[in-house]
């Protein structure tokens, strides 16, 4: 088995851009659900709760605008933690002050999806791939996430 690079998105609740917590403790990955990405060709991956809970989280990961534009670093995702109540990894989106108004303008234009890029070690099951280990790489703000329901 080898590690694969996965780019996955999930459903996120709507947020009010006037709220002070717009960037705080956003859900990035949720356990016990099927995720789809571009390289899976319709075959989902499944992240068991015990894997997500035991994932070694970095202090921070870079935050980009879109996957194709990794030269534009908007900031970082920090305070990464596992939330046992929602069985998810959450983090704070810390936007560089220089890009804050750009991010809010993009949000108003509909660029409001979060997409998480991670490396995963997977076991192939009959109908899906089971994640055995994962390493967060980066988070991207996107207009068309892999899952059309993935909006912040």
C-alpha atoms as a PDB file:
ATOM      1  CA  UNK A   1       0.000   0.000   0.000  1.00  0.00           C
ATOM      2  CA  UNK A   2       1.179   3.506  -0.791  1.00  0.00           C
ATOM      3  CA  UNK A   3       0.021   6.926   0.278  1.00  0.00           C
ATOM      4  CA  UNK A   4      -2.293   8.779  -2.110  1.00  0.00           C
ATOM      5  CA  UNK A   5      -2.975  12.491  -2.257  1.00  0.00           C
ATOM      6  CA  UNK A   6      -6.674  13.134  -1.706  1.00  0.00           C
ATOM      7  CA  UNK A   7      -8.613  16.369  -2.038  1.00  0.00           C
ATOM      8  CA  UNK A   8     -11.955  16.061  -0.285  1.00  0.00           C
ATOM      9  CA  UNK A   9     -14.757  18.349   0.740  1.00  0.00           C
ATOM     10  CA  UNK A  10     -17.787  17.873   2.899  1.00  0.00           C
ATOM     11  CA  UNK A  11     -20.991  19.717   3.766  1.00  0.00           C
ATOM     12  CA  UNK A  12     -20.537  22.775   5.936  1.00  0.00           C
ATOM     13  CA  UNK A  13     -23.239  24.933   7.481  1.00  0.00           C
ATOM     14  CA  UNK A  14     -23.840  28.420   6.172  1.00  0.00           C
ATOM     15  CA  UNK A  15     -22.113  31.197   8.031  1.00  0.00           C
ATOM     16  CA  UNK A  16     -22.945  34.856   8.403  1.00  0.00           C
ATOM     17  CA  UNK A  17     -20.111  36.989   7.017  1.00  0.00           C
ATOM     18  CA  UNK A  18     -20.942  39.680   9.583  1.00  0.00           C
ATOM     19  CA  UNK A  19     -20.301  37.233  12.407  1.00  0.00           C
ATOM     20  CA  UNK A  20     -17.075  37.542  14.383  1.00  0.00           C
ATOM     21  CA  UNK A  21     -16.575  33.766  14.309  1.00  0.00           C
ATOM     22  CA  UNK A  22     -16.572  33.436  10.513  1.00  0.00           C
ATOM     23  CA  UNK A  23     -13.096  31.901  10.535  1.00  0.00           C
ATOM     24  CA  UNK A  24     -13.054  30.138  13.911  1.00  0.00           C
ATOM     25  CA  UNK A  25     -13.211  26.382  14.421  1.00  0.00           C
ATOM     26  CA  UNK A  26     -14.481  25.465  10.970  1.00  0.00           C
ATOM     27  CA  UNK A  27     -15.100  21.768  10.338  1.00  0.00           C
ATOM     28  CA  UNK A  28     -12.496  20.369   7.937  1.00  0.00           C
ATOM     29  CA  UNK A  29     -13.002  16.574   7.952  1.00  0.00           C
ATOM     30  CA  UNK A  30     -15.693  14.422   9.528  1.00  0.00           C
ATOM     31  CA  UNK A  31     -15.350  10.751  10.416  1.00  0.00           C
ATOM     32  CA  UNK A  32     -17.727   7.900   9.590  1.00  0.00           C
ATOM     33  CA  UNK A  33     -18.973   9.242   6.274  1.00  0.00           C
ATOM     34  CA  UNK A  34     -18.177   8.516   2.648  1.00  0.00           C
ATOM     35  CA  UNK A  35     -16.090  11.158   0.900  1.00  0.00           C
ATOM     36  CA  UNK A  36     -15.580  11.652  -2.806  1.00  0.00           C
ATOM     37  CA  UNK A  37     -12.698  13.302  -4.600  1.00  0.00           C
ATOM     38  CA  UNK A  38     -11.470  13.742  -8.138  1.00  0.00           C
ATOM     39  CA  UNK A  39      -9.001  10.860  -8.194  1.00  0.00           C
ATOM     40  CA  UNK A  40     -11.463   8.330  -6.759  1.00  0.00           C
ATOM     41  CA  UNK A  41     -13.391   8.032 -10.065  1.00  0.00           C
ATOM     42  CA  UNK A  42     -16.669   7.631  -8.193  1.00  0.00           C
ATOM     43  CA  UNK A  43     -15.235   5.273  -5.584  1.00  0.00           C
ATOM     44  CA  UNK A  44     -15.622   6.843  -2.114  1.00  0.00           C
ATOM     45  CA  UNK A  45     -13.198   6.770   0.765  1.00  0.00           C
ATOM     46  CA  UNK A  46     -14.224   6.187   4.362  1.00  0.00           C
ATOM     47  CA  UNK A  47     -12.411   7.628   7.385  1.00  0.00           C
ATOM     48  CA  UNK A  48     -13.254   5.667  10.554  1.00  0.00           C
ATOM     49  CA  UNK A  49     -13.591   7.694  13.741  1.00  0.00           C
ATOM     50  CA  UNK A  50     -10.694   5.953  15.467  1.00  0.00           C
ATOM     51  CA  UNK A  51      -8.381   6.930  12.588  1.00  0.00           C
ATOM     52  CA  UNK A  52      -9.450  10.584  12.575  1.00  0.00           C
ATOM     53  CA  UNK A  53      -9.242  10.753  16.377  1.00  0.00           C
ATOM     54  CA  UNK A  54      -5.674   9.408  16.394  1.00  0.00           C
ATOM     55  CA  UNK A  55      -4.447  11.530  13.476  1.00  0.00           C
ATOM     56  CA  UNK A  56      -1.310  13.465  14.392  1.00  0.00           C
ATOM     57  CA  UNK A  57      -2.262  17.040  13.568  1.00  0.00           C
ATOM     58  CA  UNK A  58       0.347  19.624  12.563  1.00  0.00           C
ATOM     59  CA  UNK A  59       0.504  23.008  14.310  1.00  0.00           C
ATOM     60  CA  UNK A  60      -0.713  24.634  11.110  1.00  0.00           C
ATOM     61  CA  UNK A  61      -1.330  23.967   7.427  1.00  0.00           C
ATOM     62  CA  UNK A  62      -1.332  26.543   4.606  1.00  0.00           C
ATOM     63  CA  UNK A  63      -4.593  28.065   3.371  1.00  0.00           C
ATOM     64  CA  UNK A  64      -4.830  28.745  -0.372  1.00  0.00           C
ATOM     65  CA  UNK A  65      -7.351  30.311  -2.721  1.00  0.00           C
ATOM     66  CA  UNK A  66      -8.268  27.430  -5.024  1.00  0.00           C
ATOM     67  CA  UNK A  67      -6.279  24.299  -5.800  1.00  0.00           C
ATOM     68  CA  UNK A  68      -4.749  25.590  -9.017  1.00  0.00           C
ATOM     69  CA  UNK A  69      -3.450  28.765  -7.400  1.00  0.00           C
ATOM     70  CA  UNK A  70      -1.132  27.442  -4.706  1.00  0.00           C
ATOM     71  CA  UNK A  71       1.151  30.419  -5.175  1.00  0.00           C
ATOM     72  CA  UNK A  72      -1.419  32.630  -3.392  1.00  0.00           C
ATOM     73  CA  UNK A  73      -1.144  31.741   0.283  1.00  0.00           C
ATOM     74  CA  UNK A  74      -4.036  33.453   2.059  1.00  0.00           C
ATOM     75  CA  UNK A  75      -2.838  32.451   5.507  1.00  0.00           C
ATOM     76  CA  UNK A  76      -2.869  29.313   7.632  1.00  0.00           C
ATOM     77  CA  UNK A  77      -5.275  26.973   9.332  1.00  0.00           C
ATOM     78  CA  UNK A  78      -4.225  26.818  12.975  1.00  0.00           C
ATOM     79  CA  UNK A  79      -5.510  25.407  16.272  1.00  0.00           C
ATOM     80  CA  UNK A  80      -6.227  22.108  14.537  1.00  0.00           C
ATOM     81  CA  UNK A  81      -8.006  19.755  16.898  1.00  0.00           C
ATOM     82  CA  UNK A  82     -10.228  16.712  17.041  1.00  0.00           C
ATOM     83  CA  UNK A  83     -13.761  17.455  18.278  1.00  0.00           C
ATOM     84  CA  UNK A  84     -15.172  14.307  19.891  1.00  0.00           C
ATOM     85  CA  UNK A  85     -18.753  15.611  19.888  1.00  0.00           C
ATOM     86  CA  UNK A  86     -18.940  16.078  16.102  1.00  0.00           C
ATOM     87  CA  UNK A  87     -16.255  13.441  15.355  1.00  0.00           C
ATOM     88  CA  UNK A  88     -14.413  15.918  13.185  1.00  0.00           C
ATOM     89  CA  UNK A  89     -11.197  17.832  12.761  1.00  0.00           C
ATOM     90  CA  UNK A  90     -11.651  21.571  13.146  1.00  0.00           C
ATOM     91  CA  UNK A  91      -9.371  24.542  12.761  1.00  0.00           C
ATOM     92  CA  UNK A  92      -9.192  28.321  12.690  1.00  0.00           C
ATOM     93  CA  UNK A  93      -8.761  30.025   9.322  1.00  0.00           C
ATOM     94  CA  UNK A  94      -6.174  32.734   9.964  1.00  0.00           C
ATOM     95  CA  UNK A  95      -6.244  35.015   6.947  1.00  0.00           C
ATOM     96  CA  UNK A  96      -3.338  37.376   6.327  1.00  0.00           C
ATOM     97  CA  UNK A  97      -4.698  40.888   6.860  1.00  0.00           C
ATOM     98  CA  UNK A  98      -3.681  41.742   3.303  1.00  0.00           C
ATOM     99  CA  UNK A  99      -6.137  39.137   1.911  1.00  0.00           C
ATOM    100  CA  UNK A 100      -9.049  39.497   4.367  1.00  0.00           C
ATOM    101  CA  UNK A 101     -11.184  41.751   2.137  1.00  0.00           C
ATOM    102  CA  UNK A 102     -10.452  39.519  -0.895  1.00  0.00           C
ATOM    103  CA  UNK A 103     -11.711  36.453   0.992  1.00  0.00           C
ATOM    104  CA  UNK A 104     -14.900  38.252   2.087  1.00  0.00           C
ATOM    105  CA  UNK A 105     -15.488  39.504  -1.498  1.00  0.00           C
ATOM    106  CA  UNK A 106     -14.964  35.976  -2.860  1.00  0.00           C
ATOM    107  CA  UNK A 107     -17.371  34.624  -0.216  1.00  0.00           C
ATOM    108  CA  UNK A 108     -20.054  37.061  -1.405  1.00  0.00           C
ATOM    109  CA  UNK A 109     -19.393  35.901  -4.997  1.00  0.00           C
ATOM    110  CA  UNK A 110     -20.004  32.278  -4.013  1.00  0.00           C
ATOM    111  CA  UNK A 111     -16.435  31.099  -3.445  1.00  0.00           C
ATOM    112  CA  UNK A 112     -17.412  29.546  -0.126  1.00  0.00           C
ATOM    113  CA  UNK A 113     -16.307  25.936  -0.127  1.00  0.00           C
ATOM    114  CA  UNK A 114     -13.502  24.438   1.921  1.00  0.00           C
ATOM    115  CA  UNK A 115     -11.479  21.690   0.348  1.00  0.00           C
ATOM    116  CA  UNK A 116      -8.967  19.658   2.357  1.00  0.00           C
ATOM    117  CA  UNK A 117      -5.915  18.090   0.783  1.00  0.00           C
ATOM    118  CA  UNK A 118      -4.389  15.164   2.634  1.00  0.00           C
ATOM    119  CA  UNK A 119      -2.211  12.108   2.054  1.00  0.00           C
ATOM    120  CA  UNK A 120      -3.865   8.837   2.980  1.00  0.00           C
ATOM    121  CA  UNK A 121      -2.910   5.202   3.308  1.00  0.00           C
ATOM    122  CA  UNK A 122      -5.910   3.147   2.227  1.00  0.00           C
ATOM    123  CA  UNK A 123      -7.163  -0.415   2.213  1.00  0.00           C
ATOM    124  CA  UNK A 124      -9.327  -1.338  -0.763  1.00  0.00           C
ATOM    125  CA  UNK A 125     -12.699  -2.773   0.236  1.00  0.00           C
ATOM    126  CA  UNK A 126     -15.392  -4.088  -2.091  1.00  0.00           C
ATOM    127  CA  UNK A 127     -17.262  -0.794  -2.550  1.00  0.00           C
ATOM    128  CA  UNK A 128     -14.971   1.825  -1.037  1.00  0.00           C
ATOM    129  CA  UNK A 129     -11.448   2.547   0.199  1.00  0.00           C
ATOM    130  CA  UNK A 130     -10.939   2.485   3.959  1.00  0.00           C
ATOM    131  CA  UNK A 131      -8.461   5.072   5.270  1.00  0.00           C
ATOM    132  CA  UNK A 132      -5.836   3.571   7.586  1.00  0.00           C
ATOM    133  CA  UNK A 133      -3.746   6.707   8.115  1.00  0.00           C
ATOM    134  CA  UNK A 134      -3.894  10.315   6.965  1.00  0.00           C
ATOM    135  CA  UNK A 135      -1.728  13.420   7.010  1.00  0.00           C
ATOM    136  CA  UNK A 136      -3.215  16.876   6.460  1.00  0.00           C
ATOM    137  CA  UNK A 137      -1.403  18.866   3.757  1.00  0.00           C
ATOM    138  CA  UNK A 138      -3.393  22.069   3.161  1.00  0.00           C
ATOM    139  CA  UNK A 139      -6.847  23.645   2.993  1.00  0.00           C
ATOM    140  CA  UNK A 140      -8.190  25.567  -0.001  1.00  0.00           C
ATOM    141  CA  UNK A 141     -11.099  27.962  -0.388  1.00  0.00           C
ATOM    142  CA  UNK A 142     -12.879  26.948  -3.593  1.00  0.00           C
ATOM    143  CA  UNK A 143     -15.973  27.854  -5.608  1.00  0.00           C
ATOM    144  CA  UNK A 144     -16.697  24.344  -6.876  1.00  0.00           C
ATOM    145  CA  UNK A 145     -15.769  21.790  -4.247  1.00  0.00           C
ATOM    146  CA  UNK A 146     -15.595  18.137  -5.267  1.00  0.00           C
ATOM    147  CA  UNK A 147     -18.849  17.591  -3.358  1.00  0.00           C
ATOM    148  CA  UNK A 148     -21.395  20.194  -4.490  1.00  0.00           C
ATOM    149  CA  UNK A 149     -22.801  20.347  -0.940  1.00  0.00           C
ATOM    150  CA  UNK A 150     -19.456  21.466   0.502  1.00  0.00           C
ATOM    151  CA  UNK A 151     -20.017  25.056   1.429  1.00  0.00           C
ATOM    152  CA  UNK A 152     -19.000  27.120   4.415  1.00  0.00           C
END
